[in-house]
Amino acid sequence: MPKLLLCIVVFAAYAILVALFAFIMKRKGASASKITYVVLFLAALFASWLLKLHNEPAASSQLIPFYKVAAISDYGYKPILNDLVSYAAPFLIAGFLFIPAFPQLGVVASFIVGIVASLVCNIYGIATSGIFVTDEYILAGLGAAVGTGLYSIVIYALKKTSLPQKLCLPIPDKKRRTASWIACASVYFFIAFVLILDYGKTYTDLELFRSDVPLPDDITVSAELSKKSERVAIYSPSDDDAGINLAAMLRDTLMSDGFISYNADDIYTIESDTANIVCSPDGSWQYSFYGAYDGADANITKESADKIVRDFFAEKALITAQLYELTDFIELKDASGAITGYDLYYTTSYDGCPIINSSRVVVGLSSGGTITKIRKDGSNAYPAVYKRIISQSSAYSKLINGEGSYTLFTDIKQAVMYGCKLAYMVNGQGDYLPVWVFEFIGTGEDGNSVEFEGYMPAMK
């Protein structure tokens, strides 16, 4: 059922029930102010349900309370605070109106009502999906309790004014005021605890380009998008693999007889009779071999050249990333047209996830199959920490709603999203952060096909 139609149907049924409840209260002699506050409280609960409709359903059940706090090194503080906004905040207003509607009750009753109301709001979703997240209901109760606590604190501060009497607002006794302070202080210190506990490194955002061409309204999703949140590594450069340490490693691996020198521009050079290596401050380096090597081999093909290079890198362990895709294969020829060598261009990957726009490798191969050149862009990086990332489904929703970026630069009528993969991009700190890559094929105004990609940072 469409959400708008669902809201209309539920509102109509709910309005009838509220009207019936108000009628019964009036027949039993309840005051007009009492009935008004009860109706407002019930209206606030309906508003809470409307706000919760925008929350994305969980991908799996989580029965352990505050599981994100227990694994804060995986999640960070942002998802925990987002849960407070998504699950607790919708019930604040209802909690604020709880004591005016039910003067004899307090914070504990409000907490229980919040939990029950949240369960009722989501009972259909639980029955159909079988997914139950304990935090959703605890936080709903907490939101209602805090709302009730704020009412007690505010109305007590205004007790010497005429406002409580004019509006027929009850003033809680000392016991309920104490419970209110405890509820509000608990949430305050919980938030502070989460922020303090998440002492890990803060990563700067990825700098993504923005296209001025809008995505088409007609997008078909043909790929199955997972709703599960994965745990992946964040890769960071290491000071132990830079400068003199990097130069020493490359010398020992590629040219053990080389001599290391250093200049004022933080560039290290390794020289020998047959080769040299230049190491830049950003961790990039280039190896050049100009010694004698085997003559031409007419049997070298693109596939065999690729195998030579991959075997060489597997044996030498020169980089922490893995060679991913051979993107270009160029034959080098002399003036007579004879092949003198080959240039092979590679992208790299971490954990099988391609690195975008960084950490590329270019390898020169002689016509006889000898490695004559290696150019590595960017520094080596290592797993620094493991973090939970957003699901494919969440990432796609964010992309369609205007976040992230995409490589569409011409107007199209429609598109099909046919693939999704995890990749890495480097931020301004040199850290390799995960990003979801969505593959599209669109149809232009002229009927021609247009392929493009969408990028959505995957960090929570």
Protein backbone atom coordinates (compact mmCIF):
# COMPACT_ATOMS: atom_id res chain seq x y z
CA MET A 1 0.00 0.00 0.00
CA PRO A 2 1.43 3.45 -0.90
CA LYS A 3 2.54 5.46 2.14
CA LEU A 4 0.12 8.34 1.46
CA LEU A 5 -2.87 6.00 1.25
CA LEU A 6 -1.68 4.16 4.37
CA CYS A 7 -1.45 7.45 6.28
CA ILE A 8 -4.95 8.47 5.21
CA VAL A 9 -6.47 5.12 6.22
CA VAL A 10 -4.67 5.02 9.58
CA PHE A 11 -5.52 8.66 10.29
CA ALA A 12 -9.22 8.08 9.61
CA ALA A 13 -9.35 5.00 11.85
CA TYR A 14 -7.28 6.69 14.56
CA ALA A 15 -9.41 9.85 14.49
CA ILE A 16 -12.55 7.78 15.02
CA LEU A 17 -10.98 5.99 17.99
CA VAL A 18 -9.77 9.25 19.54
CA ALA A 19 -13.19 10.85 19.10
CA LEU A 20 -14.84 7.81 20.71
CA PHE A 21 -12.37 7.93 23.60
CA ALA A 22 -13.03 11.66 24.12
CA PHE A 23 -16.78 11.03 24.06
CA ILE A 24 -16.48 8.33 26.74
CA MET A 25 -14.34 10.65 28.90
CA LYS A 26 -16.94 13.41 28.60
CA ARG A 27 -19.75 11.02 29.56
CA LYS A 28 -17.76 10.10 32.67
CA GLY A 29 -17.51 13.77 33.66
CA ALA A 30 -13.93 14.60 32.67
CA SER A 31 -13.12 18.30 32.39
CA ALA A 32 -12.69 20.01 29.02
CA SER A 33 -9.00 20.67 29.72
CA LYS A 34 -8.41 17.04 30.64
CA ILE A 35 -10.06 15.84 27.43
CA THR A 36 -8.09 18.40 25.40
CA TYR A 37 -4.73 17.24 26.75
CA VAL A 38 -5.60 13.57 26.25
CA VAL A 39 -6.55 14.28 22.63
CA LEU A 40 -3.33 16.27 22.12
CA PHE A 41 -1.31 13.42 23.66
CA LEU A 42 -2.94 10.87 21.34
CA ALA A 43 -2.37 13.22 18.38
CA ALA A 44 1.31 13.44 19.35
CA LEU A 45 1.53 9.63 19.34
CA PHE A 46 0.11 9.62 15.81
CA ALA A 47 2.70 12.23 14.80
CA SER A 48 5.39 9.95 16.27
CA TRP A 49 4.17 7.14 14.03
CA LEU A 50 4.30 9.44 10.99
CA LEU A 51 7.89 10.44 11.81
CA LYS A 52 8.92 6.80 12.24
CA LEU A 53 7.62 5.98 8.75
CA HIS A 54 10.67 7.75 7.31
CA ASN A 55 13.10 5.45 9.15
CA GLU A 56 14.73 2.80 7.01
CA PRO A 57 13.85 -0.72 8.20
CA ALA A 58 16.63 -2.69 9.86
CA ALA A 59 18.26 -5.44 7.83
CA SER A 60 18.42 -7.94 10.70
CA SER A 61 17.21 -8.43 14.27
CA GLN A 62 19.29 -7.06 17.15
CA LEU A 63 18.05 -8.35 20.47
CA ILE A 64 20.94 -7.08 22.62
CA PRO A 65 20.23 -3.57 23.97
CA PHE A 66 22.67 -0.82 23.00
CA TYR A 67 24.65 -3.14 20.75
CA LYS A 68 26.15 -0.17 18.90
CA VAL A 69 27.53 1.24 22.14
CA ALA A 70 29.12 -2.12 22.94
CA ALA A 71 30.77 -2.09 19.49
CA ILE A 72 31.42 1.64 19.26
CA SER A 73 34.81 1.04 17.64
CA ASP A 74 32.92 -0.46 14.70
CA TYR A 75 30.09 2.05 14.49
CA GLY A 76 31.40 5.35 15.88
CA TYR A 77 29.22 7.88 17.69
CA LYS A 78 27.21 9.14 14.69
CA PRO A 79 25.00 6.05 14.20
CA ILE A 80 24.23 6.01 17.94
CA LEU A 81 23.17 9.66 17.91
CA ASN A 82 21.24 9.03 14.69
CA ASP A 83 19.29 6.31 16.52
CA LEU A 84 18.40 8.80 19.25
CA VAL A 85 17.07 11.16 16.58
CA SER A 86 15.25 8.41 14.66
CA TYR A 87 13.75 6.44 17.56
CA ALA A 88 13.67 8.68 20.64
CA ALA A 89 13.01 12.18 19.28
CA PRO A 90 9.59 11.33 17.69
CA PHE A 91 8.19 10.61 21.17
CA LEU A 92 9.41 13.78 22.90
CA ILE A 93 6.23 15.78 22.30
CA ALA A 94 3.99 12.91 23.39
CA GLY A 95 6.09 12.60 26.55
CA PHE A 96 5.81 16.35 27.17
CA LEU A 97 2.00 16.08 27.05
CA PHE A 98 1.86 12.91 29.17
CA ILE A 99 1.45 14.51 32.61
CA PRO A 100 -1.14 17.10 31.46
CA ALA A 101 -3.12 14.18 30.02
CA PHE A 102 -2.54 11.83 32.97
CA PRO A 103 -1.60 13.95 36.04
CA GLN A 104 -1.45 10.98 38.38
CA LEU A 105 1.38 9.32 36.41
CA GLY A 106 5.07 10.16 35.92
CA VAL A 107 8.33 9.36 34.16
CA VAL A 108 8.28 5.58 34.65
CA ALA A 109 4.76 5.27 33.24
CA SER A 110 5.76 7.53 30.34
CA PHE A 111 8.73 5.27 29.61
CA ILE A 112 6.48 2.20 29.49
CA VAL A 113 3.89 3.95 27.32
CA GLY A 114 6.62 4.99 24.88
CA ILE A 115 7.80 1.39 24.52
CA VAL A 116 4.26 0.06 24.07
CA ALA A 117 3.34 2.81 21.59
CA SER A 118 6.45 2.12 19.51
CA LEU A 119 5.67 -1.61 19.48
CA VAL A 120 2.10 -0.91 18.35
CA CYS A 121 3.38 1.43 15.62
CA ASN A 122 5.66 -1.28 14.30
CA ILE A 123 3.62 -4.41 14.95
CA TYR A 124 2.83 -4.92 11.25
CA GLY A 125 6.50 -4.60 10.30
CA ILE A 126 7.53 -7.11 12.97
CA ALA A 127 4.87 -9.58 11.84
CA THR A 128 5.80 -9.38 8.15
CA SER A 129 9.59 -9.14 8.36
CA GLY A 130 10.32 -10.97 11.60
CA ILE A 131 12.92 -8.30 12.43
CA PHE A 132 13.06 -6.97 15.99
CA VAL A 133 15.56 -4.32 17.14
CA THR A 134 15.42 -3.89 20.91
CA ASP A 135 17.03 -0.44 20.85
CA GLU A 136 14.18 0.97 18.75
CA TYR A 137 11.67 0.40 21.55
CA ILE A 138 13.94 1.23 24.48
CA LEU A 139 14.86 4.54 22.84
CA ALA A 140 11.18 5.27 22.13
CA GLY A 141 10.44 4.84 25.83
CA LEU A 142 13.47 6.95 26.67
CA GLY A 143 12.26 9.71 24.34
CA ALA A 144 8.85 9.75 25.99
CA ALA A 145 10.41 9.74 29.49
CA VAL A 146 12.70 12.65 28.62
CA GLY A 147 9.73 14.57 27.22
CA THR A 148 7.90 14.01 30.49
CA GLY A 149 10.99 15.02 32.42
CA LEU A 150 11.32 18.24 30.46
CA TYR A 151 7.68 19.06 31.18
CA SER A 152 8.22 18.60 34.92
CA ILE A 153 11.32 20.79 34.90
CA VAL A 154 9.78 23.54 32.76
CA ILE A 155 6.43 23.68 34.56
CA TYR A 156 8.14 23.76 37.98
CA ALA A 157 10.24 26.69 36.81
CA LEU A 158 7.01 28.47 35.81
CA LYS A 159 5.03 27.58 38.94
CA LYS A 160 5.15 31.12 40.33
CA THR A 161 3.64 32.51 37.14
CA SER A 162 -0.03 32.42 36.20
CA LEU A 163 0.59 30.17 33.17
CA PRO A 164 0.06 26.75 34.84
CA GLN A 165 -3.24 27.89 36.37
CA LYS A 166 -4.52 29.52 33.17
CA LEU A 167 -3.75 26.43 31.09
CA CYS A 168 -4.82 23.96 33.80
CA LEU A 169 -1.36 22.38 33.80
CA PRO A 170 -0.59 20.13 36.80
CA ILE A 171 2.65 20.70 38.72
CA PRO A 172 4.37 17.37 39.58
CA ASP A 173 5.33 16.65 43.17
CA LYS A 174 8.92 16.41 44.41
CA LYS A 175 9.17 12.66 43.80
CA ARG A 176 8.22 12.96 40.15
CA ARG A 177 10.45 16.01 39.67
CA THR A 178 13.39 13.99 41.00
CA ALA A 179 12.60 11.19 38.55
CA SER A 180 12.42 13.79 35.78
CA TRP A 181 15.87 15.15 36.58
CA ILE A 182 17.26 11.61 36.67
CA ALA A 183 15.75 10.81 33.23
CA CYS A 184 17.10 13.98 31.59
CA ALA A 185 20.51 13.68 33.26
CA SER A 186 20.78 10.03 32.19
CA VAL A 187 20.30 10.94 28.53
CA TYR A 188 22.73 13.85 28.81
CA PHE A 189 25.46 11.70 30.36
CA PHE A 190 24.72 8.87 27.92
CA ILE A 191 25.40 11.21 24.99
CA ALA A 192 28.53 12.54 26.70
CA PHE A 193 29.70 8.98 27.40
CA VAL A 194 29.26 8.00 23.74
CA LEU A 195 31.19 11.04 22.53
CA ILE A 196 34.00 10.42 25.02
CA LEU A 197 34.13 6.68 24.36
CA ASP A 198 34.47 7.18 20.60
CA TYR A 199 38.06 8.35 20.90
CA GLY A 200 39.12 6.97 17.51
CA LYS A 201 40.58 8.98 14.68
CA THR A 202 38.28 11.41 12.89
CA TYR A 203 38.40 10.97 9.14
CA THR A 204 37.90 13.92 6.81
CA ASP A 205 35.18 13.56 4.21
CA LEU A 206 35.92 12.47 0.68
CA GLU A 207 36.03 15.33 -1.81
CA LEU A 208 33.62 14.30 -4.55
CA PHE A 209 32.93 16.21 -7.74
CA ARG A 210 29.39 17.38 -8.44
CA SER A 211 27.63 17.15 -11.79
CA ASP A 212 25.19 19.89 -12.79
CA VAL A 213 23.13 17.38 -14.79
CA PRO A 214 20.27 15.92 -12.69
CA LEU A 215 19.57 12.22 -12.48
CA PRO A 216 16.47 11.20 -14.45
CA ASP A 217 13.23 10.58 -12.56
CA ASP A 218 12.80 7.26 -14.35
CA ILE A 219 15.42 4.92 -12.85
CA THR A 220 14.91 1.16 -12.78
CA VAL A 221 16.85 -0.93 -10.26
CA SER A 222 17.77 -4.29 -11.76
CA ALA A 223 20.45 -5.20 -9.19
CA GLU A 224 19.56 -6.69 -5.83
CA LEU A 225 20.74 -4.32 -3.10
CA SER A 226 21.64 -5.71 0.30
CA LYS A 227 20.24 -4.12 3.45
CA LYS A 228 23.02 -5.54 5.63
CA SER A 229 25.68 -3.33 7.17
CA GLU A 230 29.15 -4.71 6.51
CA ARG A 231 32.32 -4.33 8.56
CA VAL A 232 35.30 -3.25 6.46
CA ALA A 233 38.82 -1.98 6.99
CA ILE A 234 39.90 1.64 6.80
CA TYR A 235 43.39 1.80 5.29
CA SER A 236 45.86 4.44 6.45
CA PRO A 237 49.48 5.20 5.54
CA SER A 238 52.17 4.34 8.07
CA ASP A 239 55.17 6.45 9.05
CA ASP A 240 57.14 3.21 9.20
CA ASP A 241 56.67 2.77 5.43
CA ALA A 242 57.71 6.23 4.26
CA GLY A 243 60.90 8.19 3.73
CA ILE A 244 64.09 6.28 4.49
CA ASN A 245 62.14 3.15 5.48
CA LEU A 246 60.41 3.01 2.08
CA ALA A 247 63.70 3.65 0.28
CA ALA A 248 65.43 0.88 2.24
CA MET A 249 62.62 -1.60 1.51
CA LEU A 250 62.70 -0.86 -2.22
CA ARG A 251 66.48 -1.10 -2.33
CA ASP A 252 66.52 -4.45 -0.54
CA THR A 253 63.76 -5.80 -2.79
CA LEU A 254 64.75 -4.46 -6.22
CA MET A 255 68.47 -3.55 -6.15
CA SER A 256 70.43 -4.72 -3.14
CA ASP A 257 73.63 -3.09 -4.38
CA GLY A 258 72.04 0.38 -4.56
CA PHE A 259 73.22 3.44 -2.63
CA ILE A 260 70.62 5.65 -0.91
CA SER A 261 70.97 9.43 -1.05
CA TYR A 262 68.73 12.23 0.23
CA ASN A 263 68.13 15.80 -0.90
CA ALA A 264 66.54 18.82 0.68
CA ASP A 265 63.15 18.24 -1.01
CA ASP A 266 62.53 15.07 1.05
CA ILE A 267 63.28 12.93 -2.00
CA TYR A 268 65.27 9.72 -1.56
CA THR A 269 67.20 8.30 -4.50
CA ILE A 270 68.68 4.82 -4.79
CA GLU A 271 71.39 4.39 -7.45
CA SER A 272 73.28 1.40 -8.79
CA ASP A 273 75.15 0.62 -11.99
CA THR A 274 72.02 -0.78 -13.67
CA ALA A 275 69.00 0.91 -12.07
CA ASN A 276 67.71 3.74 -9.95
CA ILE A 277 64.68 4.44 -7.74
CA VAL A 278 63.24 7.83 -6.82
CA CYS A 279 60.98 8.04 -3.74
CA SER A 280 58.74 11.11 -3.34
CA PRO A 281 57.56 12.56 0.00
CA ASP A 282 53.96 11.42 -0.64
CA GLY A 283 55.04 7.77 -0.82
CA SER A 284 55.02 7.54 -4.63
CA TRP A 285 58.07 6.03 -6.27
CA GLN A 286 59.53 5.11 -9.65
CA TYR A 287 61.94 2.35 -10.56
CA SER A 288 63.96 2.41 -13.79
CA PHE A 289 66.15 -0.43 -15.05
CA TYR A 290 68.69 0.40 -17.78
CA GLY A 291 70.94 -2.61 -17.64
CA ALA A 292 71.16 -5.43 -20.15
CA TYR A 293 68.08 -7.61 -20.65
CA ASP A 294 66.86 -10.40 -22.91
CA GLY A 295 66.09 -9.75 -26.56
CA ALA A 296 62.69 -9.71 -28.20
CA ASP A 297 60.22 -12.53 -27.60
CA ALA A 298 57.65 -12.80 -30.36
CA ASN A 299 55.43 -14.95 -28.13
CA ILE A 300 54.61 -12.18 -25.62
CA THR A 301 50.95 -11.27 -25.70
CA LYS A 302 48.81 -9.01 -23.56
CA GLU A 303 47.82 -11.97 -21.40
CA SER A 304 51.37 -13.28 -20.97
CA ALA A 305 52.72 -9.78 -20.22
CA ASP A 306 50.00 -9.35 -17.59
CA LYS A 307 50.99 -12.67 -16.03
CA ILE A 308 54.68 -11.68 -15.93
CA VAL A 309 53.83 -8.48 -14.08
CA ARG A 310 51.42 -10.09 -11.62
CA ASP A 311 53.88 -12.89 -10.82
CA PHE A 312 56.62 -10.30 -10.27
CA PHE A 313 54.51 -8.27 -7.82
CA ALA A 314 53.33 -11.40 -6.00
CA GLU A 315 56.93 -12.50 -5.50
CA LYS A 316 58.41 -9.14 -4.50
CA ALA A 317 55.59 -7.80 -2.29
CA LEU A 318 56.37 -4.22 -3.33
CA ILE A 319 52.98 -2.74 -2.48
CA THR A 320 50.37 -3.43 0.18
CA ALA A 321 47.53 -3.11 -2.35
CA GLN A 322 46.84 -5.76 -4.96
CA LEU A 323 46.97 -5.30 -8.72
CA TYR A 324 43.32 -5.13 -9.73
CA GLU A 325 42.59 -4.43 -13.38
CA LEU A 326 44.82 -4.03 -16.42
CA THR A 327 43.24 -0.91 -17.90
CA ASP A 328 45.62 -0.30 -20.81
CA PHE A 329 48.26 -2.23 -22.75
CA ILE A 330 50.47 -0.21 -25.08
CA GLU A 331 53.01 -1.61 -27.52
CA LEU A 332 56.18 0.50 -27.81
CA LYS A 333 57.88 0.53 -31.23
CA ASP A 334 61.04 1.97 -32.71
CA ALA A 335 61.32 3.96 -35.93
CA SER A 336 61.29 0.77 -38.01
CA GLY A 337 58.06 -0.43 -36.42
CA ALA A 338 59.69 -3.19 -34.39
CA ILE A 339 58.25 -3.76 -30.90
CA THR A 340 60.69 -2.63 -28.21
CA GLY A 341 58.53 -3.11 -25.18
CA TYR A 342 55.17 -2.65 -23.53
CA ASP A 343 53.56 -0.32 -21.01
CA LEU A 344 50.92 -1.85 -18.75
CA TYR A 345 48.56 0.36 -16.69
CA TYR A 346 46.91 -1.06 -13.57
CA THR A 347 44.41 -0.03 -10.98
CA THR A 348 44.89 -1.53 -7.52
CA SER A 349 42.60 -2.76 -4.77
CA TYR A 350 42.31 -3.52 -1.09
CA ASP A 351 40.48 -6.70 -0.12
CA GLY A 352 39.31 -7.06 -3.72
CA CYS A 353 37.72 -3.57 -3.71
CA PRO A 354 39.17 -1.28 -6.40
CA ILE A 355 40.87 1.97 -5.44
CA ILE A 356 39.44 4.86 -7.43
CA ASN A 357 41.65 7.67 -8.79
CA SER A 358 44.66 6.76 -6.66
CA SER A 359 47.36 4.15 -6.06
CA ARG A 360 47.76 3.37 -9.78
CA VAL A 361 50.68 1.35 -11.08
CA VAL A 362 52.42 1.60 -14.46
CA VAL A 363 54.85 -1.14 -15.44
CA GLY A 364 57.26 -1.11 -18.38
CA LEU A 365 58.17 -4.44 -19.93
CA SER A 366 60.91 -5.07 -22.48
CA SER A 367 60.12 -6.98 -25.65
CA GLY A 368 61.90 -9.91 -24.01
CA GLY A 369 59.77 -9.84 -20.86
CA THR A 370 62.10 -7.96 -18.46
CA ILE A 371 60.64 -5.42 -16.04
CA THR A 372 62.23 -2.10 -17.05
CA LYS A 373 60.04 0.43 -15.26
CA ILE A 374 57.63 0.66 -12.36
CA ARG A 375 55.76 3.78 -11.33
CA LYS A 376 53.61 3.59 -8.18
CA ASP A 377 51.31 6.50 -7.31
CA GLY A 378 50.48 7.14 -3.66
CA SER A 379 51.79 5.59 -0.48
CA ASN A 380 51.35 2.11 0.90
CA ALA A 381 48.52 1.82 3.40
CA TYR A 382 47.58 -0.71 6.05
CA PRO A 383 44.35 -1.69 7.86
CA ALA A 384 44.08 0.89 10.65
CA VAL A 385 40.62 0.10 12.03
CA TYR A 386 37.47 -1.79 11.09
CA LYS A 387 34.22 0.17 10.80
CA ARG A 388 30.59 -0.59 10.07
CA ILE A 389 29.43 0.96 6.82
CA ILE A 390 25.98 1.75 5.49
CA SER A 391 24.19 -0.91 3.45
CA GLN A 392 23.92 -0.89 -0.33
CA SER A 393 20.23 -0.07 -0.01
CA SER A 394 20.86 2.91 2.29
CA ALA A 395 23.64 4.19 0.05
CA TYR A 396 21.43 4.04 -3.04
CA SER A 397 18.64 5.92 -1.26
CA LYS A 398 21.09 8.65 -0.28
CA LEU A 399 22.44 8.88 -3.82
CA ILE A 400 18.98 9.20 -5.36
CA ASN A 401 18.08 11.86 -2.77
CA GLY A 402 20.94 14.13 -3.81
CA GLU A 403 23.92 12.99 -1.74
CA GLY A 404 27.16 11.59 -3.16
CA SER A 405 28.13 12.20 -6.77
CA TYR A 406 27.88 10.68 -10.25
CA THR A 407 29.58 10.89 -13.63
CA LEU A 408 26.54 11.87 -15.70
CA PHE A 409 27.25 14.95 -17.81
CA THR A 410 24.51 14.78 -20.42
CA ASP A 411 20.72 14.79 -20.06
CA ILE A 412 19.06 11.39 -20.29
CA LYS A 413 15.43 10.26 -20.24
CA GLN A 414 15.78 7.11 -18.18
CA ALA A 415 18.36 4.84 -16.63
CA VAL A 416 18.88 1.37 -15.22
CA MET A 417 21.03 0.74 -12.15
CA TYR A 418 22.47 -2.69 -12.87
CA GLY A 419 25.40 -3.11 -10.51
CA CYS A 420 26.86 -2.14 -7.14
CA LYS A 421 30.33 -2.74 -5.70
CA LEU A 422 32.44 -1.51 -2.82
CA ALA A 423 35.53 0.55 -3.63
CA TYR A 424 38.01 2.82 -1.86
CA MET A 425 38.82 6.49 -2.34
CA VAL A 426 41.56 8.47 -0.63
CA ASN A 427 40.69 11.54 1.46
CA GLY A 428 42.77 14.62 2.23
CA GLN A 429 44.55 12.82 5.09
CA GLY A 430 45.73 10.00 2.84
CA ASP A 431 43.29 7.49 4.34
CA TYR A 432 41.49 5.06 2.04
CA LEU A 433 37.78 5.18 2.87
CA PRO A 434 35.05 2.85 1.57
CA VAL A 435 32.59 4.10 -1.03
CA TRP A 436 29.68 2.36 -2.75
CA VAL A 437 29.86 2.51 -6.54
CA PHE A 438 26.63 2.14 -8.53
CA GLU A 439 26.74 1.31 -12.22
CA PHE A 440 24.10 2.84 -14.51
CA ILE A 441 23.22 2.71 -18.17
CA GLY A 442 20.94 5.44 -19.44
CA THR A 443 19.15 6.39 -22.64
CA GLY A 444 19.91 9.86 -23.98
CA GLU A 445 17.53 12.23 -25.73
CA ASP A 446 18.93 10.99 -29.06
CA GLY A 447 18.31 7.35 -28.15
CA ASN A 448 21.98 6.51 -27.59
CA SER A 449 23.15 4.62 -24.52
CA VAL A 450 25.04 6.50 -21.82
CA GLU A 451 27.01 4.65 -19.13
CA PHE A 452 27.85 6.39 -15.87
CA GLU A 453 28.62 5.65 -12.23
CA GLY A 454 27.35 6.95 -8.92
CA TYR A 455 29.49 7.25 -5.79
CA MET A 456 28.21 7.26 -2.20
CA PRO A 457 30.63 7.38 0.76
CA ALA A 458 29.96 4.31 2.87
CA MET A 459 31.12 5.56 6.29
CA LYS A 460 28.31 5.88 8.83
